[in-house]
C-alpha atoms as a PDB file:
ATOM      1  CA  MET A   1      10.694 -15.145 -36.348  1.00  0.00           C
ATOM      2  CA  LEU A   2      11.876 -11.975 -36.360  1.00  0.00           C
ATOM      3  CA  ALA A   3      14.084 -11.336 -33.118  1.00  0.00           C
ATOM      4  CA  GLN A   4      12.653  -8.314 -31.423  1.00  0.00           C
ATOM      5  CA  ALA A   5      15.001  -5.773 -29.344  1.00  0.00           C
ATOM      6  CA  ALA A   6      15.195  -6.253 -25.654  1.00  0.00           C
ATOM      7  CA  PHE A   7      15.127  -2.336 -25.314  1.00  0.00           C
ATOM      8  CA  GLU A   8      13.688   0.252 -27.794  1.00  0.00           C
ATOM      9  CA  LEU A   9      12.623   3.764 -27.996  1.00  0.00           C
ATOM     10  CA  VAL A  10       9.171   4.019 -30.073  1.00  0.00           C
ATOM     11  CA  GLY A  11       6.860   6.765 -30.931  1.00  0.00           C
ATOM     12  CA  PRO A  12       6.997  10.721 -31.646  1.00  0.00           C
ATOM     13  CA  GLN A  13       7.742  10.934 -27.423  1.00  0.00           C
ATOM     14  CA  ARG A  14      10.497   8.514 -27.812  1.00  0.00           C
ATOM     15  CA  ALA A  15       8.787   6.017 -25.431  1.00  0.00           C
ATOM     16  CA  VAL A  16      10.852   3.008 -24.002  1.00  0.00           C
ATOM     17  CA  GLN A  17       9.411  -0.236 -24.862  1.00  0.00           C
ATOM     18  CA  PHE A  18      10.770  -3.054 -22.788  1.00  0.00           C
ATOM     19  CA  PHE A  19      10.309  -6.756 -24.468  1.00  0.00           C
ATOM     20  CA  GLY A  20       7.380  -5.574 -26.549  1.00  0.00           C
ATOM     21  CA  VAL A  21       5.725  -3.466 -23.105  1.00  0.00           C
ATOM     22  CA  ARG A  22       5.843   0.064 -23.260  1.00  0.00           C
ATOM     23  CA  LEU A  23       6.562   1.637 -20.163  1.00  0.00           C
ATOM     24  CA  VAL A  24       4.221   4.420 -19.372  1.00  0.00           C
ATOM     25  CA  GLY A  25       5.685   7.430 -18.085  1.00  0.00           C
ATOM     26  CA  VAL A  26       9.336   6.689 -19.571  1.00  0.00           C
ATOM     27  CA  ASN A  27      10.854   8.318 -22.081  1.00  0.00           C
ATOM     28  CA  ALA A  28      14.299   9.468 -23.457  1.00  0.00           C
ATOM     29  CA  GLU A  29      14.524  12.427 -21.901  1.00  0.00           C
ATOM     30  CA  THR A  30      13.174  11.093 -18.163  1.00  0.00           C
ATOM     31  CA  GLY A  31      15.577   8.391 -18.359  1.00  0.00           C
ATOM     32  CA  ARG A  32      18.201  10.751 -19.106  1.00  0.00           C
ATOM     33  CA  LYS A  33      17.398  12.791 -15.992  1.00  0.00           C
ATOM     34  CA  LEU A  34      17.331   9.172 -13.728  1.00  0.00           C
ATOM     35  CA  LEU A  35      20.460   8.426 -15.539  1.00  0.00           C
ATOM     36  CA  LEU A  36      22.092  11.873 -14.368  1.00  0.00           C
ATOM     37  CA  SER A  37      20.495  11.472 -11.262  1.00  0.00           C
ATOM     38  CA  LEU A  38      22.078   8.243 -10.616  1.00  0.00           C
ATOM     39  CA  LEU A  39      25.557   9.562 -11.642  1.00  0.00           C
ATOM     40  CA  ALA A  40      25.344  12.652  -9.599  1.00  0.00           C
ATOM     41  CA  ILE A  41      24.555  10.288  -6.231  1.00  0.00           C
ATOM     42  CA  ALA A  42      27.499   8.107  -7.282  1.00  0.00           C
ATOM     43  CA  VAL A  43      29.654  10.756  -7.532  1.00  0.00           C
ATOM     44  CA  VAL A  44      28.964  12.572  -3.966  1.00  0.00           C
ATOM     45  CA  THR A  45      29.076   9.277  -2.551  1.00  0.00           C
ATOM     46  CA  LEU A  46      32.181   8.466  -3.991  1.00  0.00           C
ATOM     47  CA  LEU A  47      33.672  11.927  -3.192  1.00  0.00           C
ATOM     48  CA  ALA A  48      32.343  11.128   0.674  1.00  0.00           C
ATOM     49  CA  ARG A  49      34.074   7.905   0.913  1.00  0.00           C
ATOM     50  CA  GLY A  50      37.365   9.868  -0.347  1.00  0.00           C
ATOM     51  CA  LEU A  51      37.186  12.651   2.248  1.00  0.00           C
ATOM     52  CA  GLN A  52      36.226  10.511   5.198  1.00  0.00           C
ATOM     53  CA  ALA A  53      39.447   7.955   4.317  1.00  0.00           C
ATOM     54  CA  LEU A  54      41.622  11.069   4.197  1.00  0.00           C
ATOM     55  CA  ILE A  55      40.662  12.322   7.476  1.00  0.00           C
ATOM     56  CA  ARG A  56      40.928   8.433   9.112  1.00  0.00           C
END
């Protein structure tokens, strides 16, 4: 039996497939945007906590 990757980008629109199940509406572009959004939230949160620590 061949081992299948848990995470794959398939098809012409690079849809995300997780354990053989294609996730509708999730492709490489939307995944990239999601990661960038999460990174921006993390940066803002860390900056806010750093500024609060400086004020105290």
